[in-house]
N, C-alpha and C. Protein backbone atom coordinates (compact mmCIF):
# COMPACT_ATOMS: atom_id res chain seq x y z
N MET A 1 18.62 2.48 -2.46
CA MET A 1 17.58 1.49 -2.27
C MET A 1 16.93 1.18 -3.61
N LYS A 2 16.61 -0.09 -3.79
CA LYS A 2 15.93 -0.49 -5.01
C LYS A 2 14.44 -0.61 -4.72
N PHE A 3 13.65 -0.27 -5.74
CA PHE A 3 12.21 -0.34 -5.56
C PHE A 3 11.53 -0.52 -6.91
N LEU A 4 10.31 -1.03 -6.84
CA LEU A 4 9.45 -1.12 -8.01
C LEU A 4 8.44 0.00 -7.89
N HIS A 5 8.00 0.56 -9.00
CA HIS A 5 6.98 1.60 -8.91
C HIS A 5 6.11 1.62 -10.15
N GLN A 6 4.89 2.10 -9.96
CA GLN A 6 3.96 2.27 -11.07
C GLN A 6 3.08 3.47 -10.77
N LYS A 7 2.80 4.23 -11.82
CA LYS A 7 2.03 5.47 -11.70
C LYS A 7 0.62 5.26 -12.24
N PHE A 8 -0.38 5.88 -11.57
CA PHE A 8 -1.77 5.81 -11.99
C PHE A 8 -2.40 7.19 -11.92
N GLN A 9 -3.26 7.51 -12.87
CA GLN A 9 -4.13 8.68 -12.75
C GLN A 9 -5.39 8.16 -12.09
N GLY A 10 -5.56 8.46 -10.80
CA GLY A 10 -6.66 7.89 -10.06
C GLY A 10 -7.68 8.90 -9.61
N LYS A 11 -8.91 8.43 -9.50
CA LYS A 11 -10.01 9.25 -9.01
C LYS A 11 -10.40 8.78 -7.61
N LYS A 12 -10.96 9.69 -6.84
CA LYS A 12 -11.38 9.39 -5.48
C LYS A 12 -12.23 8.12 -5.44
N LYS A 13 -11.93 7.26 -4.50
CA LYS A 13 -12.61 5.99 -4.21
C LYS A 13 -12.29 4.86 -5.17
N GLU A 14 -11.46 5.09 -6.21
CA GLU A 14 -10.98 3.97 -7.00
C GLU A 14 -10.02 3.18 -6.13
N ILE A 15 -9.75 1.94 -6.50
CA ILE A 15 -8.94 1.05 -5.68
C ILE A 15 -7.67 0.66 -6.43
N VAL A 16 -6.54 0.85 -5.78
CA VAL A 16 -5.28 0.35 -6.32
C VAL A 16 -5.01 -0.97 -5.61
N GLU A 17 -4.85 -2.03 -6.39
CA GLU A 17 -4.61 -3.35 -5.83
C GLU A 17 -3.21 -3.79 -6.20
N VAL A 18 -2.45 -4.23 -5.21
CA VAL A 18 -1.07 -4.68 -5.41
C VAL A 18 -0.98 -6.13 -4.96
N GLU A 19 -0.42 -6.97 -5.79
CA GLU A 19 -0.19 -8.38 -5.45
C GLU A 19 1.30 -8.55 -5.17
N LEU A 20 1.64 -9.01 -3.96
CA LEU A 20 3.04 -9.18 -3.55
C LEU A 20 3.44 -10.65 -3.50
N SER A 21 4.65 -10.96 -3.93
CA SER A 21 5.15 -12.33 -3.88
C SER A 21 5.70 -12.69 -2.50
N LYS A 22 6.05 -11.69 -1.71
CA LYS A 22 6.56 -11.90 -0.35
C LYS A 22 6.36 -10.62 0.44
N PRO A 23 6.48 -10.67 1.77
CA PRO A 23 6.27 -9.45 2.57
C PRO A 23 7.19 -8.32 2.12
N ALA A 24 6.62 -7.11 2.04
CA ALA A 24 7.38 -5.94 1.59
C ALA A 24 6.70 -4.66 2.06
N ARG A 25 7.47 -3.57 2.05
CA ARG A 25 6.91 -2.25 2.37
C ARG A 25 6.32 -1.68 1.08
N VAL A 26 5.04 -1.29 1.17
CA VAL A 26 4.34 -0.70 0.04
C VAL A 26 3.93 0.71 0.42
N LYS A 27 4.26 1.67 -0.46
CA LYS A 27 3.94 3.07 -0.21
C LYS A 27 3.06 3.59 -1.34
N PHE A 28 1.99 4.26 -0.97
CA PHE A 28 1.10 4.91 -1.92
C PHE A 28 1.29 6.40 -1.73
N MET A 29 1.69 7.12 -2.79
CA MET A 29 1.97 8.55 -2.64
C MET A 29 1.61 9.31 -3.90
N THR A 30 1.43 10.61 -3.73
CA THR A 30 1.14 11.47 -4.87
C THR A 30 2.43 11.69 -5.67
N ALA A 31 2.28 12.24 -6.87
CA ALA A 31 3.42 12.47 -7.75
C ALA A 31 4.47 13.38 -7.11
N SER A 32 4.02 14.42 -6.40
CA SER A 32 4.98 15.34 -5.77
C SER A 32 5.75 14.65 -4.65
N GLU A 33 5.07 13.79 -3.90
CA GLU A 33 5.76 13.06 -2.82
C GLU A 33 6.72 12.03 -3.41
N PHE A 34 6.37 11.42 -4.54
CA PHE A 34 7.26 10.47 -5.19
C PHE A 34 8.55 11.17 -5.64
N LYS A 35 8.41 12.38 -6.12
CA LYS A 35 9.60 13.16 -6.52
C LYS A 35 10.50 13.39 -5.31
N ARG A 36 9.90 13.70 -4.17
CA ARG A 36 10.68 13.88 -2.94
C ARG A 36 11.35 12.56 -2.53
N TYR A 37 10.59 11.45 -2.66
CA TYR A 37 11.10 10.11 -2.31
C TYR A 37 12.33 9.76 -3.15
N THR A 38 12.23 9.97 -4.47
CA THR A 38 13.35 9.63 -5.35
C THR A 38 14.54 10.55 -5.14
N GLY A 39 14.31 11.72 -4.56
CA GLY A 39 15.39 12.63 -4.24
C GLY A 39 15.94 12.40 -2.83
N ALA A 40 15.53 11.30 -2.20
CA ALA A 40 15.98 10.92 -0.84
C ALA A 40 15.67 12.02 0.18
N ARG A 41 14.51 12.67 -0.02
CA ARG A 41 14.09 13.70 0.93
C ARG A 41 12.92 13.18 1.76
N THR A 42 12.59 13.90 2.80
CA THR A 42 11.45 13.55 3.63
C THR A 42 10.19 13.58 2.79
N HIS A 43 9.38 12.54 2.92
CA HIS A 43 8.16 12.43 2.12
C HIS A 43 7.05 11.80 2.97
N THR A 44 5.83 12.00 2.54
CA THR A 44 4.70 11.38 3.23
C THR A 44 4.07 10.36 2.29
N PHE A 45 3.43 9.35 2.89
CA PHE A 45 2.83 8.28 2.10
C PHE A 45 1.77 7.58 2.92
N PHE A 46 0.95 6.81 2.25
CA PHE A 46 0.01 5.89 2.88
C PHE A 46 0.61 4.50 2.72
N GLY A 47 0.33 3.60 3.64
CA GLY A 47 0.81 2.23 3.50
C GLY A 47 1.71 1.83 4.63
N GLY A 48 2.66 0.95 4.34
CA GLY A 48 3.57 0.41 5.35
C GLY A 48 3.99 -0.99 4.95
N MET A 49 4.27 -1.82 5.94
CA MET A 49 4.72 -3.19 5.72
C MET A 49 3.50 -4.10 5.57
N PHE A 50 3.51 -4.92 4.51
CA PHE A 50 2.38 -5.83 4.27
C PHE A 50 2.91 -7.24 4.05
N ALA A 51 2.09 -8.23 4.45
CA ALA A 51 2.41 -9.63 4.20
C ALA A 51 2.20 -9.90 2.71
N LYS A 52 2.70 -11.04 2.23
CA LYS A 52 2.50 -11.36 0.82
C LYS A 52 1.01 -11.53 0.55
N GLY A 53 0.64 -11.36 -0.70
CA GLY A 53 -0.76 -11.46 -1.08
C GLY A 53 -1.26 -10.13 -1.61
N LYS A 54 -2.57 -9.90 -1.52
CA LYS A 54 -3.16 -8.68 -2.06
C LYS A 54 -3.20 -7.56 -1.04
N VAL A 55 -2.89 -6.38 -1.52
CA VAL A 55 -2.99 -5.15 -0.74
C VAL A 55 -3.93 -4.23 -1.51
N ARG A 56 -4.89 -3.65 -0.81
CA ARG A 56 -5.81 -2.71 -1.45
C ARG A 56 -5.68 -1.34 -0.81
N PHE A 57 -5.71 -0.32 -1.66
CA PHE A 57 -5.69 1.06 -1.18
C PHE A 57 -6.80 1.82 -1.90
N VAL A 58 -7.74 2.36 -1.11
CA VAL A 58 -8.83 3.16 -1.67
C VAL A 58 -8.33 4.60 -1.75
N LEU A 59 -8.31 5.16 -2.95
CA LEU A 59 -7.76 6.51 -3.15
C LEU A 59 -8.61 7.55 -2.42
N PRO A 60 -7.98 8.38 -1.59
CA PRO A 60 -8.73 9.37 -0.82
C PRO A 60 -9.11 10.63 -1.61
N PHE A 61 -8.44 10.88 -2.75
CA PHE A 61 -8.74 12.04 -3.58
C PHE A 61 -8.17 11.85 -4.98
N ASP A 62 -8.66 12.65 -5.93
CA ASP A 62 -8.17 12.59 -7.31
C ASP A 62 -6.72 13.08 -7.36
N SER A 63 -5.87 12.36 -8.06
CA SER A 63 -4.47 12.78 -8.21
C SER A 63 -3.74 11.77 -9.10
N VAL A 64 -2.51 12.10 -9.42
CA VAL A 64 -1.61 11.12 -10.02
C VAL A 64 -0.96 10.41 -8.83
N TRP A 65 -1.18 9.10 -8.73
CA TRP A 65 -0.68 8.31 -7.61
C TRP A 65 0.44 7.39 -8.08
N THR A 66 1.43 7.20 -7.22
CA THR A 66 2.51 6.26 -7.50
C THR A 66 2.52 5.21 -6.40
N VAL A 67 2.58 3.95 -6.83
CA VAL A 67 2.72 2.83 -5.90
C VAL A 67 4.19 2.44 -5.90
N VAL A 68 4.79 2.38 -4.71
CA VAL A 68 6.19 1.99 -4.58
C VAL A 68 6.26 0.72 -3.74
N VAL A 69 6.94 -0.29 -4.25
CA VAL A 69 7.21 -1.51 -3.49
C VAL A 69 8.71 -1.54 -3.26
N GLU A 70 9.12 -1.39 -2.01
CA GLU A 70 10.55 -1.36 -1.69
C GLU A 70 11.11 -2.77 -1.69
N LYS A 71 12.28 -2.92 -2.29
CA LYS A 71 12.95 -4.22 -2.40
C LYS A 71 14.03 -4.38 -1.33
N GLY A 72 13.68 -4.04 -0.10
CA GLY A 72 14.63 -4.17 1.01
C GLY A 72 15.60 -3.01 1.06
N THR A 73 16.72 -3.25 1.68
CA THR A 73 17.76 -2.24 1.82
C THR A 73 18.99 -2.66 1.01
N ALA A 74 19.96 -1.77 0.92
CA ALA A 74 21.19 -2.09 0.19
C ALA A 74 21.91 -3.27 0.82
N SER A 75 21.87 -3.35 2.15
CA SER A 75 22.56 -4.44 2.84
C SER A 75 21.73 -5.72 2.92
N ALA A 76 20.42 -5.61 2.74
CA ALA A 76 19.55 -6.79 2.79
C ALA A 76 18.49 -6.70 1.69
N PRO A 77 18.90 -6.90 0.43
CA PRO A 77 17.93 -6.79 -0.68
C PRO A 77 16.94 -7.95 -0.68
N LEU A 78 15.74 -7.67 -1.19
CA LEU A 78 14.70 -8.69 -1.33
C LEU A 78 14.40 -8.92 -2.80
N ASP A 79 14.09 -10.15 -3.16
CA ASP A 79 13.67 -10.46 -4.52
C ASP A 79 12.15 -10.49 -4.54
N VAL A 80 11.55 -9.31 -4.56
CA VAL A 80 10.09 -9.18 -4.51
C VAL A 80 9.55 -8.99 -5.91
N LYS A 81 8.48 -9.69 -6.20
CA LYS A 81 7.75 -9.47 -7.44
C LYS A 81 6.40 -8.89 -7.06
N ALA A 82 5.94 -7.91 -7.84
CA ALA A 82 4.67 -7.27 -7.54
C ALA A 82 3.96 -6.90 -8.83
N SER A 83 2.64 -6.90 -8.77
CA SER A 83 1.84 -6.41 -9.89
C SER A 83 0.79 -5.46 -9.34
N CYS A 84 0.47 -4.42 -10.10
CA CYS A 84 -0.48 -3.39 -9.66
C CYS A 84 -1.59 -3.26 -10.68
N SER A 85 -2.77 -2.93 -10.20
CA SER A 85 -3.88 -2.64 -11.10
C SER A 85 -4.81 -1.62 -10.44
N LEU A 86 -5.49 -0.87 -11.27
CA LEU A 86 -6.46 0.13 -10.81
C LEU A 86 -7.85 -0.45 -11.03
N LYS A 87 -8.62 -0.56 -9.95
CA LYS A 87 -9.96 -1.13 -9.99
C LYS A 87 -10.99 -0.02 -9.85
N PRO A 88 -12.19 -0.23 -10.38
CA PRO A 88 -13.24 0.78 -10.22
C PRO A 88 -13.65 0.94 -8.76
N ALA A 89 -14.26 2.07 -8.47
CA ALA A 89 -14.72 2.35 -7.10
C ALA A 89 -15.71 1.28 -6.65
N ASP A 90 -15.61 0.90 -5.39
CA ASP A 90 -16.52 -0.09 -4.78
C ASP A 90 -16.80 0.41 -3.37
N ARG A 91 -18.02 0.82 -3.13
CA ARG A 91 -18.33 1.44 -1.84
C ARG A 91 -18.17 0.50 -0.65
N ASP A 92 -18.14 -0.82 -0.89
CA ASP A 92 -17.97 -1.77 0.20
C ASP A 92 -16.50 -2.13 0.44
N ALA A 93 -15.61 -1.71 -0.46
CA ALA A 93 -14.19 -2.05 -0.33
C ALA A 93 -13.53 -1.22 0.76
N ARG A 94 -12.60 -1.82 1.45
CA ARG A 94 -11.84 -1.14 2.49
C ARG A 94 -10.35 -1.28 2.17
N SER A 95 -9.59 -0.29 2.59
CA SER A 95 -8.15 -0.37 2.41
C SER A 95 -7.57 -1.42 3.34
N THR A 96 -6.52 -2.08 2.89
CA THR A 96 -5.79 -3.01 3.73
C THR A 96 -4.94 -2.20 4.70
N VAL A 97 -4.88 -2.63 5.95
CA VAL A 97 -4.11 -1.90 6.96
C VAL A 97 -2.75 -2.58 7.12
N ALA A 98 -1.71 -1.79 7.16
CA ALA A 98 -0.34 -2.29 7.25
C ALA A 98 -0.09 -3.03 8.55
N ILE A 99 0.82 -3.99 8.50
CA ILE A 99 1.23 -4.74 9.68
C ILE A 99 1.80 -3.81 10.74
N ASP A 100 2.55 -2.79 10.29
CA ASP A 100 3.21 -1.87 11.21
C ASP A 100 2.41 -0.57 11.42
N ALA A 101 1.09 -0.63 11.22
CA ALA A 101 0.25 0.56 11.41
C ALA A 101 0.31 0.99 12.87
N PRO A 102 0.30 2.30 13.13
CA PRO A 102 0.32 2.79 14.50
C PRO A 102 -0.93 2.35 15.26
N ASN A 103 -0.83 2.27 16.57
CA ASN A 103 -1.95 1.81 17.40
C ASN A 103 -3.20 2.65 17.21
N HIS A 104 -3.06 3.98 17.00
CA HIS A 104 -4.25 4.81 16.85
C HIS A 104 -5.02 4.46 15.58
N VAL A 105 -4.33 3.94 14.56
CA VAL A 105 -5.02 3.52 13.34
C VAL A 105 -5.80 2.24 13.61
N LEU A 106 -5.16 1.30 14.30
CA LEU A 106 -5.82 0.05 14.62
C LEU A 106 -7.00 0.28 15.57
N ALA A 107 -6.85 1.20 16.50
CA ALA A 107 -7.92 1.50 17.46
C ALA A 107 -9.13 2.13 16.77
N ALA A 108 -8.91 2.81 15.66
CA ALA A 108 -10.00 3.48 14.95
C ALA A 108 -10.87 2.52 14.14
N LEU A 109 -10.37 1.31 13.92
CA LEU A 109 -11.15 0.32 13.17
C LEU A 109 -12.34 -0.12 14.01
N ASP A 110 -13.49 -0.25 13.37
CA ASP A 110 -14.62 -0.77 14.13
C ASP A 110 -14.43 -2.28 14.30
N GLU A 111 -15.19 -2.87 15.19
CA GLU A 111 -14.99 -4.27 15.56
C GLU A 111 -15.12 -5.20 14.35
N ALA A 112 -16.12 -4.98 13.52
CA ALA A 112 -16.33 -5.85 12.36
C ALA A 112 -15.17 -5.74 11.37
N GLU A 113 -14.69 -4.51 11.17
CA GLU A 113 -13.57 -4.32 10.24
C GLU A 113 -12.31 -4.97 10.79
N ALA A 114 -12.08 -4.83 12.08
CA ALA A 114 -10.90 -5.44 12.70
C ALA A 114 -10.96 -6.96 12.57
N GLU A 115 -12.14 -7.53 12.75
CA GLU A 115 -12.30 -8.98 12.63
C GLU A 115 -12.05 -9.42 11.19
N ALA A 116 -12.63 -8.70 10.22
CA ALA A 116 -12.43 -9.03 8.81
C ALA A 116 -10.97 -8.90 8.43
N LEU A 117 -10.30 -7.89 8.96
CA LEU A 117 -8.89 -7.67 8.67
C LEU A 117 -8.05 -8.82 9.20
N SER A 118 -8.31 -9.26 10.43
CA SER A 118 -7.52 -10.34 11.00
C SER A 118 -7.76 -11.65 10.24
N GLU A 119 -9.00 -11.88 9.81
CA GLU A 119 -9.28 -13.09 9.02
C GLU A 119 -8.60 -13.00 7.67
N GLY A 120 -8.66 -11.83 7.03
CA GLY A 120 -8.06 -11.65 5.72
C GLY A 120 -6.56 -11.80 5.77
N SER A 121 -5.92 -11.26 6.80
CA SER A 121 -4.47 -11.33 6.86
C SER A 121 -4.01 -12.76 7.12
N GLN A 122 -4.81 -13.54 7.86
CA GLN A 122 -4.43 -14.92 8.11
C GLN A 122 -4.53 -15.74 6.84
N SER A 123 -5.59 -15.51 6.04
CA SER A 123 -5.77 -16.32 4.85
C SER A 123 -4.85 -15.89 3.72
N GLU A 124 -4.43 -14.62 3.70
CA GLU A 124 -3.59 -14.13 2.62
C GLU A 124 -2.10 -14.32 2.88
N GLY A 125 -1.72 -14.53 4.07
CA GLY A 125 -0.30 -14.64 4.20
C GLY A 125 0.17 -14.82 5.56
């Protein structure tokens, strides 16, 4: 599988922002999980499938973080362009929720956040 990746030394509550040229799977993971990912082993990550546009991830703890943007599969490659940046902490910022997030994640969103998310996803992509 082909993928784009970028590494950041991030502190808790800083924001990693990814700009996507088209819908793609975006994974946010620690350095140790990235090593497992590149070794084709079972790994854990935050993220999922996102529409094109901006994706934000608020870092849950201090670590070396890697952002991975998957470029499809070997049989169905995607020509995805992405850019990443590390933004300062913003207490009002919320992480973007993946299109394929499990129901329990969506159910945990409060009403205002769910409404803002649906408006944001419509305008971004």
